[in-house]
């Protein structure tokens, strides 16, 4: 799922909507892949994206509290703003579900 998001960014200057779309795909993939467990969705990366990811996480948690349309009520989003490069490097670790970057990524 992440490779689809990275392919969107390859060779293109990232925009807020492009990064948001890639992040949304990564989060949806993480939710589908972890439907049986109630672990947090974990991400790391861009410090620039941290405020909007924090806002999305708060909105997501509020939607869950209202009985949204996903499987598990106690999912949360944990994001560590460690920098784009550090987030991408940590993506290989199994405990991380997504990474955010504000620079173009090439395969």
PDB file of N, CA and C in Angstrom:
ATOM      1  N   UNK A   1       0.823  -1.178   0.000  1.00  0.00           N
ATOM      2  CA  UNK A   1       0.000   0.000   0.000  1.00  0.00           C
ATOM      3  C   UNK A   1       0.873   1.250   0.000  1.00  0.00           C
ATOM      4  N   UNK A   2       1.958   1.210   0.778  1.00  0.00           N
ATOM      5  CA  UNK A   2       2.841   2.359   0.841  1.00  0.00           C
ATOM      6  C   UNK A   2       3.508   2.607  -0.496  1.00  0.00           C
ATOM      7  N   UNK A   3       3.840   1.528  -1.226  1.00  0.00           N
ATOM      8  CA  UNK A   3       4.500   1.713  -2.512  1.00  0.00           C
ATOM      9  C   UNK A   3       3.609   2.486  -3.476  1.00  0.00           C
ATOM     10  N   UNK A   4       2.295   2.315  -3.362  1.00  0.00           N
ATOM     11  CA  UNK A   4       1.379   3.088  -4.211  1.00  0.00           C
ATOM     12  C   UNK A   4       1.468   4.567  -3.863  1.00  0.00           C
ATOM     13  N   UNK A   5       1.549   4.860  -2.567  1.00  0.00           N
ATOM     14  CA  UNK A   5       1.675   6.247  -2.147  1.00  0.00           C
ATOM     15  C   UNK A   5       3.004   6.843  -2.563  1.00  0.00           C
ATOM     16  N   UNK A   6       4.071   6.053  -2.448  1.00  0.00           N
ATOM     17  CA  UNK A   6       5.388   6.542  -2.857  1.00  0.00           C
ATOM     18  C   UNK A   6       5.449   6.752  -4.359  1.00  0.00           C
ATOM     19  N   UNK A   7       4.773   5.895  -5.126  1.00  0.00           N
ATOM     20  CA  UNK A   7       4.760   6.058  -6.574  1.00  0.00           C
ATOM     21  C   UNK A   7       4.083   7.366  -6.952  1.00  0.00           C
ATOM     22  N   UNK A   8       3.093   7.775  -6.172  1.00  0.00           N
ATOM     23  CA  UNK A   8       2.431   9.047  -6.440  1.00  0.00           C
ATOM     24  C   UNK A   8       3.400  10.210  -6.273  1.00  0.00           C
ATOM     25  N   UNK A   9       4.324  10.080  -5.320  1.00  0.00           N
ATOM     26  CA  UNK A   9       5.251  11.163  -5.039  1.00  0.00           C
ATOM     27  C   UNK A   9       6.485  11.162  -5.931  1.00  0.00           C
ATOM     28  N   UNK A  10       6.800  10.024  -6.550  1.00  0.00           N
ATOM     29  CA  UNK A  10       8.014   9.903  -7.346  1.00  0.00           C
ATOM     30  C   UNK A  10       7.994  10.885  -8.518  1.00  0.00           C
ATOM     31  N   UNK A  11       9.011  11.683  -8.610  1.00  0.00           N
ATOM     32  CA  UNK A  11       9.167  12.591  -9.733  1.00  0.00           C
ATOM     33  C   UNK A  11       8.239  13.789  -9.698  1.00  0.00           C
ATOM     34  N   UNK A  12       7.481  13.934  -8.648  1.00  0.00           N
ATOM     35  CA  UNK A  12       6.556  15.055  -8.567  1.00  0.00           C
ATOM     36  C   UNK A  12       6.865  15.857  -7.310  1.00  0.00           C
ATOM     37  N   UNK A  13       6.615  17.124  -7.387  1.00  0.00           N
ATOM     38  CA  UNK A  13       6.784  17.957  -6.211  1.00  0.00           C
ATOM     39  C   UNK A  13       5.589  17.710  -5.295  1.00  0.00           C
ATOM     40  N   UNK A  14       5.852  17.327  -4.051  1.00  0.00           N
ATOM     41  CA  UNK A  14       4.738  16.985  -3.174  1.00  0.00           C
ATOM     42  C   UNK A  14       3.884  18.203  -2.849  1.00  0.00           C
ATOM     43  N   UNK A  15       2.611  17.985  -2.806  1.00  0.00           N
ATOM     44  CA  UNK A  15       1.670  19.011  -2.394  1.00  0.00           C
ATOM     45  C   UNK A  15       0.990  18.517  -1.132  1.00  0.00           C
ATOM     46  N   UNK A  16       0.309  19.406  -0.459  1.00  0.00           N
ATOM     47  CA  UNK A  16      -0.399  19.004   0.757  1.00  0.00           C
ATOM     48  C   UNK A  16      -1.420  17.928   0.426  1.00  0.00           C
ATOM     49  N   UNK A  17      -2.143  18.087  -0.685  1.00  0.00           N
ATOM     50  CA  UNK A  17      -3.151  17.085  -1.041  1.00  0.00           C
ATOM     51  C   UNK A  17      -2.502  15.768  -1.443  1.00  0.00           C
ATOM     52  N   UNK A  18      -1.347  15.817  -2.091  1.00  0.00           N
ATOM     53  CA  UNK A  18      -0.650  14.587  -2.470  1.00  0.00           C
ATOM     54  C   UNK A  18      -0.142  13.830  -1.260  1.00  0.00           C
ATOM     55  N   UNK A  19       0.440  14.559  -0.321  1.00  0.00           N
ATOM     56  CA  UNK A  19       0.921  13.934   0.905  1.00  0.00           C
ATOM     57  C   UNK A  19      -0.261  13.401   1.707  1.00  0.00           C
ATOM     58  N   UNK A  20      -1.355  14.163   1.742  1.00  0.00           N
ATOM     59  CA  UNK A  20      -2.551  13.716   2.461  1.00  0.00           C
ATOM     60  C   UNK A  20      -3.109  12.441   1.846  1.00  0.00           C
ATOM     61  N   UNK A  21      -3.128  12.364   0.520  1.00  0.00           N
ATOM     62  CA  UNK A  21      -3.638  11.164  -0.150  1.00  0.00           C
ATOM     63  C   UNK A  21      -2.758   9.960   0.153  1.00  0.00           C
ATOM     64  N   UNK A  22      -1.442  10.149   0.094  1.00  0.00           N
ATOM     65  CA  UNK A  22      -0.530   9.042   0.395  1.00  0.00           C
ATOM     66  C   UNK A  22      -0.678   8.599   1.849  1.00  0.00           C
ATOM     67  N   UNK A  23      -0.821   9.559   2.748  1.00  0.00           N
ATOM     68  CA  UNK A  23      -0.995   9.235   4.157  1.00  0.00           C
ATOM     69  C   UNK A  23      -2.318   8.519   4.394  1.00  0.00           C
ATOM     70  N   UNK A  24      -3.369   8.985   3.741  1.00  0.00           N
ATOM     71  CA  UNK A  24      -4.675   8.333   3.886  1.00  0.00           C
ATOM     72  C   UNK A  24      -4.610   6.887   3.415  1.00  0.00           C
ATOM     73  N   UNK A  25      -3.934   6.647   2.287  1.00  0.00           N
ATOM     74  CA  UNK A  25      -3.786   5.268   1.797  1.00  0.00           C
ATOM     75  C   UNK A  25      -3.021   4.408   2.798  1.00  0.00           C
ATOM     76  N   UNK A  26      -1.976   4.966   3.378  1.00  0.00           N
ATOM     77  CA  UNK A  26      -1.189   4.206   4.354  1.00  0.00           C
ATOM     78  C   UNK A  26      -2.003   3.891   5.600  1.00  0.00           C
ATOM     79  N   UNK A  27      -2.775   4.860   6.074  1.00  0.00           N
ATOM     80  CA  UNK A  27      -3.588   4.641   7.273  1.00  0.00           C
ATOM     81  C   UNK A  27      -4.687   3.627   7.005  1.00  0.00           C
ATOM     82  N   UNK A  28      -5.346   3.733   5.850  1.00  0.00           N
ATOM     83  CA  UNK A  28      -6.390   2.767   5.505  1.00  0.00           C
ATOM     84  C   UNK A  28      -5.801   1.370   5.403  1.00  0.00           C
ATOM     85  N   UNK A  29      -4.640   1.256   4.769  1.00  0.00           N
ATOM     86  CA  UNK A  29      -3.978  -0.042   4.674  1.00  0.00           C
ATOM     87  C   UNK A  29      -3.636  -0.592   6.047  1.00  0.00           C
ATOM     88  N   UNK A  30      -3.187   0.270   6.934  1.00  0.00           N
ATOM     89  CA  UNK A  30      -2.862  -0.171   8.291  1.00  0.00           C
ATOM     90  C   UNK A  30      -4.113  -0.620   9.036  1.00  0.00           C
ATOM     91  N   UNK A  31      -5.225   0.086   8.830  1.00  0.00           N
ATOM     92  CA  UNK A  31      -6.469  -0.278   9.500  1.00  0.00           C
ATOM     93  C   UNK A  31      -6.995  -1.605   8.987  1.00  0.00           C
ATOM     94  N   UNK A  32      -6.951  -1.812   7.690  1.00  0.00           N
ATOM     95  CA  UNK A  32      -7.434  -3.063   7.115  1.00  0.00           C
ATOM     96  C   UNK A  32      -6.554  -4.217   7.561  1.00  0.00           C
ATOM     97  N   UNK A  33      -5.256  -4.008   7.555  1.00  0.00           N
ATOM     98  CA  UNK A  33      -4.324  -5.057   7.935  1.00  0.00           C
ATOM     99  C   UNK A  33      -4.370  -5.407   9.408  1.00  0.00           C
ATOM    100  N   UNK A  34      -4.877  -4.512  10.236  1.00  0.00           N
ATOM    101  CA  UNK A  34      -4.886  -4.773  11.675  1.00  0.00           C
ATOM    102  C   UNK A  34      -6.295  -4.789  12.241  1.00  0.00           C
ATOM    103  N   UNK A  35      -7.269  -5.211  11.439  1.00  0.00           N
ATOM    104  CA  UNK A  35      -8.662  -5.187  11.877  1.00  0.00           C
ATOM    105  C   UNK A  35      -8.911  -6.075  13.088  1.00  0.00           C
ATOM    106  N   UNK A  36      -8.140  -7.136  13.247  1.00  0.00           N
ATOM    107  CA  UNK A  36      -8.378  -8.070  14.336  1.00  0.00           C
ATOM    108  C   UNK A  36      -7.782  -7.591  15.658  1.00  0.00           C
ATOM    109  N   UNK A  37      -6.919  -6.608  15.638  1.00  0.00           N
ATOM    110  CA  UNK A  37      -6.301  -6.153  16.877  1.00  0.00           C
ATOM    111  C   UNK A  37      -6.591  -4.667  17.084  1.00  0.00           C
ATOM    112  N   UNK A  38      -6.527  -4.247  18.308  1.00  0.00           N
ATOM    113  CA  UNK A  38      -6.827  -2.860  18.637  1.00  0.00           C
ATOM    114  C   UNK A  38      -5.562  -2.109  19.005  1.00  0.00           C
ATOM    115  N   UNK A  39      -4.498  -2.308  18.260  1.00  0.00           N
ATOM    116  CA  UNK A  39      -3.251  -1.597  18.499  1.00  0.00           C
ATOM    117  C   UNK A  39      -3.318  -0.231  17.825  1.00  0.00           C
ATOM    118  N   UNK A  40      -2.557   0.731  18.326  1.00  0.00           N
ATOM    119  CA  UNK A  40      -2.551   2.040  17.674  1.00  0.00           C
ATOM    120  C   UNK A  40      -1.940   1.972  16.274  1.00  0.00           C
ATOM    121  N   UNK A  41      -2.346   2.883  15.433  1.00  0.00           N
ATOM    122  CA  UNK A  41      -1.731   3.041  14.120  1.00  0.00           C
ATOM    123  C   UNK A  41      -0.504   3.913  14.364  1.00  0.00           C
ATOM    124  N   UNK A  42       0.678   3.391  14.066  1.00  0.00           N
ATOM    125  CA  UNK A  42       1.919   4.085  14.410  1.00  0.00           C
ATOM    126  C   UNK A  42       2.598   4.642  13.167  1.00  0.00           C
ATOM    127  N   UNK A  43       3.002   5.898  13.275  1.00  0.00           N
ATOM    128  CA  UNK A  43       3.712   6.531  12.179  1.00  0.00           C
ATOM    129  C   UNK A  43       4.836   7.408  12.698  1.00  0.00           C
ATOM    130  N   UNK A  44       5.715   7.784  11.792  1.00  0.00           N
ATOM    131  CA  UNK A  44       6.832   8.656  12.139  1.00  0.00           C
ATOM    132  C   UNK A  44       7.276   9.373  10.874  1.00  0.00           C
ATOM    133  N   UNK A  45       7.955  10.493  11.047  1.00  0.00           N
ATOM    134  CA  UNK A  45       8.507  11.185   9.892  1.00  0.00           C
ATOM    135  C   UNK A  45       8.467  12.690  10.018  1.00  0.00           C
ATOM    136  N   UNK A  46       8.024  13.317   8.972  1.00  0.00           N
ATOM    137  CA  UNK A  46       8.078  14.757   8.776  1.00  0.00           C
ATOM    138  C   UNK A  46       7.616  15.573   9.982  1.00  0.00           C
ATOM    139  N   UNK A  47       8.459  16.521  10.386  1.00  0.00           N
ATOM    140  CA  UNK A  47       8.050  17.448  11.438  1.00  0.00           C
ATOM    141  C   UNK A  47       7.085  18.487  10.876  1.00  0.00           C
ATOM    142  N   UNK A  48       7.206  18.793   9.581  1.00  0.00           N
ATOM    143  CA  UNK A  48       6.299  19.737   8.942  1.00  0.00           C
ATOM    144  C   UNK A  48       4.872  19.194   8.916  1.00  0.00           C
ATOM    145  N   UNK A  49       4.719  17.898   8.704  1.00  0.00           N
ATOM    146  CA  UNK A  49       3.395  17.281   8.623  1.00  0.00           C
ATOM    147  C   UNK A  49       2.794  16.992   9.996  1.00  0.00           C
ATOM    148  N   UNK A  50       3.586  17.079  11.053  1.00  0.00           N
ATOM    149  CA  UNK A  50       3.118  16.696  12.391  1.00  0.00           C
ATOM    150  C   UNK A  50       1.852  17.430  12.841  1.00  0.00           C
ATOM    151  N   UNK A  51       1.731  18.752  12.651  1.00  0.00           N
ATOM    152  CA  UNK A  51       0.508  19.418  13.110  1.00  0.00           C
ATOM    153  C   UNK A  51      -0.762  18.902  12.416  1.00  0.00           C
ATOM    154  N   UNK A  52      -0.716  18.680  11.113  1.00  0.00           N
ATOM    155  CA  UNK A  52      -1.914  18.214  10.413  1.00  0.00           C
ATOM    156  C   UNK A  52      -2.201  16.757  10.762  1.00  0.00           C
ATOM    157  N   UNK A  53      -1.169  15.948  10.933  1.00  0.00           N
ATOM    158  CA  UNK A  53      -1.389  14.556  11.334  1.00  0.00           C
ATOM    159  C   UNK A  53      -1.992  14.521  12.736  1.00  0.00           C
ATOM    160  N   UNK A  54      -1.534  15.400  13.618  1.00  0.00           N
ATOM    161  CA  UNK A  54      -2.126  15.497  14.953  1.00  0.00           C
ATOM    162  C   UNK A  54      -3.593  15.882  14.900  1.00  0.00           C
ATOM    163  N   UNK A  55      -3.925  16.817  14.014  1.00  0.00           N
ATOM    164  CA  UNK A  55      -5.327  17.229  13.858  1.00  0.00           C
ATOM    165  C   UNK A  55      -6.159  16.079  13.301  1.00  0.00           C
ATOM    166  N   UNK A  56      -5.610  15.367  12.303  1.00  0.00           N
ATOM    167  CA  UNK A  56      -6.327  14.212  11.745  1.00  0.00           C
ATOM    168  C   UNK A  56      -6.535  13.148  12.814  1.00  0.00           C
ATOM    169  N   UNK A  57      -5.527  12.917  13.650  1.00  0.00           N
ATOM    170  CA  UNK A  57      -5.638  11.907  14.706  1.00  0.00           C
ATOM    171  C   UNK A  57      -6.733  12.282  15.701  1.00  0.00           C
ATOM    172  N   UNK A  58      -6.806  13.564  16.054  1.00  0.00           N
ATOM    173  CA  UNK A  58      -7.846  14.033  16.969  1.00  0.00           C
ATOM    174  C   UNK A  58      -9.226  13.876  16.349  1.00  0.00           C
ATOM    175  N   UNK A  59      -9.360  14.240  15.072  1.00  0.00           N
ATOM    176  CA  UNK A  59     -10.631  14.095  14.364  1.00  0.00           C
ATOM    177  C   UNK A  59     -11.021  12.631  14.261  1.00  0.00           C
ATOM    178  N   UNK A  60     -10.045  11.781  13.978  1.00  0.00           N
ATOM    179  CA  UNK A  60     -10.286  10.338  13.873  1.00  0.00           C
ATOM    180  C   UNK A  60     -10.780   9.779  15.203  1.00  0.00           C
ATOM    181  N   UNK A  61     -10.119  10.187  16.298  1.00  0.00           N
ATOM    182  CA  UNK A  61     -10.515   9.702  17.620  1.00  0.00           C
ATOM    183  C   UNK A  61     -11.930  10.164  17.957  1.00  0.00           C
ATOM    184  N   UNK A  62     -12.274  11.407  17.611  1.00  0.00           N
ATOM    185  CA  UNK A  62     -13.626  11.913  17.859  1.00  0.00           C
ATOM    186  C   UNK A  62     -14.657  11.138  17.039  1.00  0.00           C
ATOM    187  N   UNK A  63     -14.318  10.818  15.794  1.00  0.00           N
ATOM    188  CA  UNK A  63     -15.232  10.040  14.951  1.00  0.00           C
ATOM    189  C   UNK A  63     -15.437   8.650  15.537  1.00  0.00           C
ATOM    190  N   UNK A  64     -14.372   8.065  16.087  1.00  0.00           N
ATOM    191  CA  UNK A  64     -14.489   6.741  16.708  1.00  0.00           C
ATOM    192  C   UNK A  64     -15.386   6.809  17.937  1.00  0.00           C
ATOM    193  N   UNK A  65     -15.286   7.898  18.703  1.00  0.00           N
ATOM    194  CA  UNK A  65     -16.103   8.050  19.905  1.00  0.00           C
ATOM    195  C   UNK A  65     -17.585   8.158  19.553  1.00  0.00           C
ATOM    196  N   UNK A  66     -17.877   8.663  18.357  1.00  0.00           N
ATOM    197  CA  UNK A  66     -19.262   8.794  17.899  1.00  0.00           C
ATOM    198  C   UNK A  66     -19.764   7.532  17.218  1.00  0.00           C
ATOM    199  N   UNK A  67     -18.988   6.445  17.280  1.00  0.00           N
ATOM    200  CA  UNK A  67     -19.414   5.189  16.661  1.00  0.00           C
ATOM    201  C   UNK A  67     -19.281   5.228  15.158  1.00  0.00           C
ATOM    202  N   UNK A  68     -18.129   5.681  14.679  1.00  0.00           N
ATOM    203  CA  UNK A  68     -17.870   5.742  13.240  1.00  0.00           C
ATOM    204  C   UNK A  68     -18.028   4.390  12.568  1.00  0.00           C
ATOM    205  N   UNK A  69     -17.645   4.285  11.339  1.00  0.00           N
ATOM    206  CA  UNK A  69     -17.932   3.084  10.561  1.00  0.00           C
ATOM    207  C   UNK A  69     -16.726   2.163  10.365  1.00  0.00           C
ATOM    208  N   UNK A  70     -15.790   2.133  11.301  1.00  0.00           N
ATOM    209  CA  UNK A  70     -14.690   1.179  11.246  1.00  0.00           C
ATOM    210  C   UNK A  70     -14.938   0.071  12.251  1.00  0.00           C
ATOM    211  N   UNK A  71     -14.079  -0.944  12.263  1.00  0.00           N
ATOM    212  CA  UNK A  71     -14.333  -2.160  13.032  1.00  0.00           C
ATOM    213  C   UNK A  71     -14.132  -2.027  14.534  1.00  0.00           C
ATOM    214  N   UNK A  72     -13.124  -1.315  14.972  1.00  0.00           N
ATOM    215  CA  UNK A  72     -12.745  -1.307  16.379  1.00  0.00           C
ATOM    216  C   UNK A  72     -12.823   0.097  16.946  1.00  0.00           C
ATOM    217  N   UNK A  73     -13.417   0.228  18.106  1.00  0.00           N
ATOM    218  CA  UNK A  73     -13.630   1.545  18.690  1.00  0.00           C
ATOM    219  C   UNK A  73     -12.395   2.148  19.339  1.00  0.00           C
ATOM    220  N   UNK A  74     -11.415   1.344  19.713  1.00  0.00           N
ATOM    221  CA  UNK A  74     -10.306   1.882  20.488  1.00  0.00           C
ATOM    222  C   UNK A  74      -9.010   2.079  19.701  1.00  0.00           C
ATOM    223  N   UNK A  75      -9.077   2.204  18.403  1.00  0.00           N
ATOM    224  CA  UNK A  75      -7.886   2.518  17.619  1.00  0.00           C
ATOM    225  C   UNK A  75      -7.479   3.962  17.859  1.00  0.00           C
ATOM    226  N   UNK A  76      -6.177   4.196  17.886  1.00  0.00           N
ATOM    227  CA  UNK A  76      -5.643   5.551  17.980  1.00  0.00           C
ATOM    228  C   UNK A  76      -4.516   5.694  16.964  1.00  0.00           C
ATOM    229  N   UNK A  77      -4.111   6.919  16.720  1.00  0.00           N
ATOM    230  CA  UNK A  77      -2.997   7.194  15.818  1.00  0.00           C
ATOM    231  C   UNK A  77      -1.871   7.798  16.654  1.00  0.00           C
ATOM    232  N   UNK A  78      -0.718   7.146  16.655  1.00  0.00           N
ATOM    233  CA  UNK A  78       0.474   7.645  17.342  1.00  0.00           C
ATOM    234  C   UNK A  78       1.484   8.062  16.277  1.00  0.00           C
ATOM    235  N   UNK A  79       1.890   9.337  16.296  1.00  0.00           N
ATOM    236  CA  UNK A  79       2.825   9.845  15.293  1.00  0.00           C
ATOM    237  C   UNK A  79       4.008  10.497  15.990  1.00  0.00           C
ATOM    238  N   UNK A  80       5.213  10.143  15.562  1.00  0.00           N
ATOM    239  CA  UNK A  80       6.440  10.721  16.099  1.00  0.00           C
ATOM    240  C   UNK A  80       7.092  11.607  15.037  1.00  0.00           C
ATOM    241  N   UNK A  81       7.171  12.914  15.264  1.00  0.00           N
ATOM    242  CA  UNK A  81       7.810  13.815  14.299  1.00  0.00           C
ATOM    243  C   UNK A  81       9.333  13.779  14.430  1.00  0.00           C
ATOM    244  N   UNK A  82       9.953  12.771  13.818  1.00  0.00           N
ATOM    245  CA  UNK A  82      11.401  12.562  13.936  1.00  0.00           C
ATOM    246  C   UNK A  82      12.175  13.066  12.722  1.00  0.00           C
ATOM    247  N   UNK A  83      11.483  13.614  11.737  1.00  0.00           N
ATOM    248  CA  UNK A  83      12.121  14.052  10.502  1.00  0.00           C
ATOM    249  C   UNK A  83      11.831  13.075   9.374  1.00  0.00           C
ATOM    250  N   UNK A  84      11.788  13.590   8.151  1.00  0.00           N
ATOM    251  CA  UNK A  84      11.422  12.772   6.992  1.00  0.00           C
ATOM    252  C   UNK A  84      12.344  11.576   6.802  1.00  0.00           C
ATOM    253  N   UNK A  85      13.641  11.801   6.820  1.00  0.00           N
ATOM    254  CA  UNK A  85      14.593  10.714   6.589  1.00  0.00           C
ATOM    255  C   UNK A  85      14.499   9.651   7.683  1.00  0.00           C
ATOM    256  N   UNK A  86      14.443  10.082   8.935  1.00  0.00           N
ATOM    257  CA  UNK A  86      14.345   9.125  10.046  1.00  0.00           C
ATOM    258  C   UNK A  86      13.054   8.323   9.954  1.00  0.00           C
ATOM    259  N   UNK A  87      11.956   8.970   9.570  1.00  0.00           N
ATOM    260  CA  UNK A  87      10.690   8.256   9.424  1.00  0.00           C
ATOM    261  C   UNK A  87      10.754   7.203   8.339  1.00  0.00           C
ATOM    262  N   UNK A  88      11.346   7.554   7.202  1.00  0.00           N
ATOM    263  CA  UNK A  88      11.471   6.583   6.113  1.00  0.00           C
ATOM    264  C   UNK A  88      12.388   5.429   6.501  1.00  0.00           C
ATOM    265  N   UNK A  89      13.456   5.721   7.241  1.00  0.00           N
ATOM    266  CA  UNK A  89      14.364   4.661   7.676  1.00  0.00           C
ATOM    267  C   UNK A  89      13.673   3.725   8.668  1.00  0.00           C
ATOM    268  N   UNK A  90      12.842   4.272   9.530  1.00  0.00           N
ATOM    269  CA  UNK A  90      12.139   3.457  10.521  1.00  0.00           C
ATOM    270  C   UNK A  90      10.983   2.672   9.918  1.00  0.00           C
ATOM    271  N   UNK A  91      10.571   3.000   8.714  1.00  0.00           N
ATOM    272  CA  UNK A  91       9.445   2.312   8.087  1.00  0.00           C
ATOM    273  C   UNK A  91       9.717   0.823   7.906  1.00  0.00           C
ATOM    274  N   UNK A  92      10.972   0.436   7.820  1.00  0.00           N
ATOM    275  CA  UNK A  92      11.321  -0.983   7.681  1.00  0.00           C
ATOM    276  C   UNK A  92      11.052  -1.768   8.961  1.00  0.00           C
ATOM    277  N   UNK A  93      10.886  -1.081  10.075  1.00  0.00           N
ATOM    278  CA  UNK A  93      10.616  -1.753  11.343  1.00  0.00           C
ATOM    279  C   UNK A  93       9.150  -2.182  11.399  1.00  0.00           C
ATOM    280  N   UNK A  94       8.885  -3.388  11.893  1.00  0.00           N
ATOM    281  CA  UNK A  94       7.515  -3.901  11.876  1.00  0.00           C
ATOM    282  C   UNK A  94       6.539  -3.124  12.756  1.00  0.00           C
ATOM    283  N   UNK A  95       7.023  -2.395  13.753  1.00  0.00           N
ATOM    284  CA  UNK A  95       6.088  -1.683  14.622  1.00  0.00           C
ATOM    285  C   UNK A  95       5.597  -0.360  14.037  1.00  0.00           C
ATOM    286  N   UNK A  96       6.115   0.053  12.888  1.00  0.00           N
ATOM    287  CA  UNK A  96       5.694   1.298  12.257  1.00  0.00           C
ATOM    288  C   UNK A  96       4.776   0.988  11.088  1.00  0.00           C
ATOM    289  N   UNK A  97       3.619   1.661  11.032  1.00  0.00           N
ATOM    290  CA  UNK A  97       2.635   1.421   9.982  1.00  0.00           C
ATOM    291  C   UNK A  97       2.779   2.370   8.793  1.00  0.00           C
ATOM    292  N   UNK A  98       3.232   3.603   9.041  1.00  0.00           N
ATOM    293  CA  UNK A  98       3.386   4.552   7.942  1.00  0.00           C
ATOM    294  C   UNK A  98       4.469   5.565   8.284  1.00  0.00           C
ATOM    295  N   UNK A  99       4.987   6.191   7.240  1.00  0.00           N
ATOM    296  CA  UNK A  99       5.957   7.269   7.393  1.00  0.00           C
ATOM    297  C   UNK A  99       5.492   8.437   6.540  1.00  0.00           C
ATOM    298  N   UNK A 100       5.717   9.635   7.024  1.00  0.00           N
ATOM    299  CA  UNK A 100       5.358  10.835   6.277  1.00  0.00           C
ATOM    300  C   UNK A 100       6.638  11.578   5.910  1.00  0.00           C
ATOM    301  N   UNK A 101       6.660  12.111   4.704  1.00  0.00           N
ATOM    302  CA  UNK A 101       7.811  12.872   4.247  1.00  0.00           C
ATOM    303  C   UNK A 101       7.323  14.093   3.485  1.00  0.00           C
ATOM    304  N   UNK A 102       8.086  15.162   3.546  1.00  0.00           N
ATOM    305  CA  UNK A 102       7.722  16.355   2.786  1.00  0.00           C
ATOM    306  C   UNK A 102       8.728  16.625   1.670  1.00  0.00           C
ATOM    307  N   UNK A 103       9.511  15.617   1.335  1.00  0.00           N
ATOM    308  CA  UNK A 103      10.444  15.707   0.213  1.00  0.00           C
ATOM    309  C   UNK A 103      10.142  14.582  -0.766  1.00  0.00           C
ATOM    310  N   UNK A 104      10.444  14.767  -2.042  1.00  0.00           N
ATOM    311  CA  UNK A 104      10.191  13.698  -3.019  1.00  0.00           C
ATOM    312  C   UNK A 104      10.988  12.435  -2.686  1.00  0.00           C
ATOM    313  N   UNK A 105      10.383  11.300  -2.921  1.00  0.00           N
ATOM    314  CA  UNK A 105      11.010  10.010  -2.644  1.00  0.00           C
ATOM    315  C   UNK A 105      11.203   9.281  -3.959  1.00  0.00           C
ATOM    316  N   UNK A 106      12.398   8.739  -4.166  1.00  0.00           N
ATOM    317  CA  UNK A 106      12.670   7.943  -5.361  1.00  0.00           C
ATOM    318  C   UNK A 106      12.980   6.520  -4.941  1.00  0.00           C
ATOM    319  N   UNK A 107      12.553   5.567  -5.759  1.00  0.00           N
ATOM    320  CA  UNK A 107      12.782   4.152  -5.441  1.00  0.00           C
ATOM    321  C   UNK A 107      14.220   3.771  -5.690  1.00  0.00           C
TER     322      UNK A 107
END
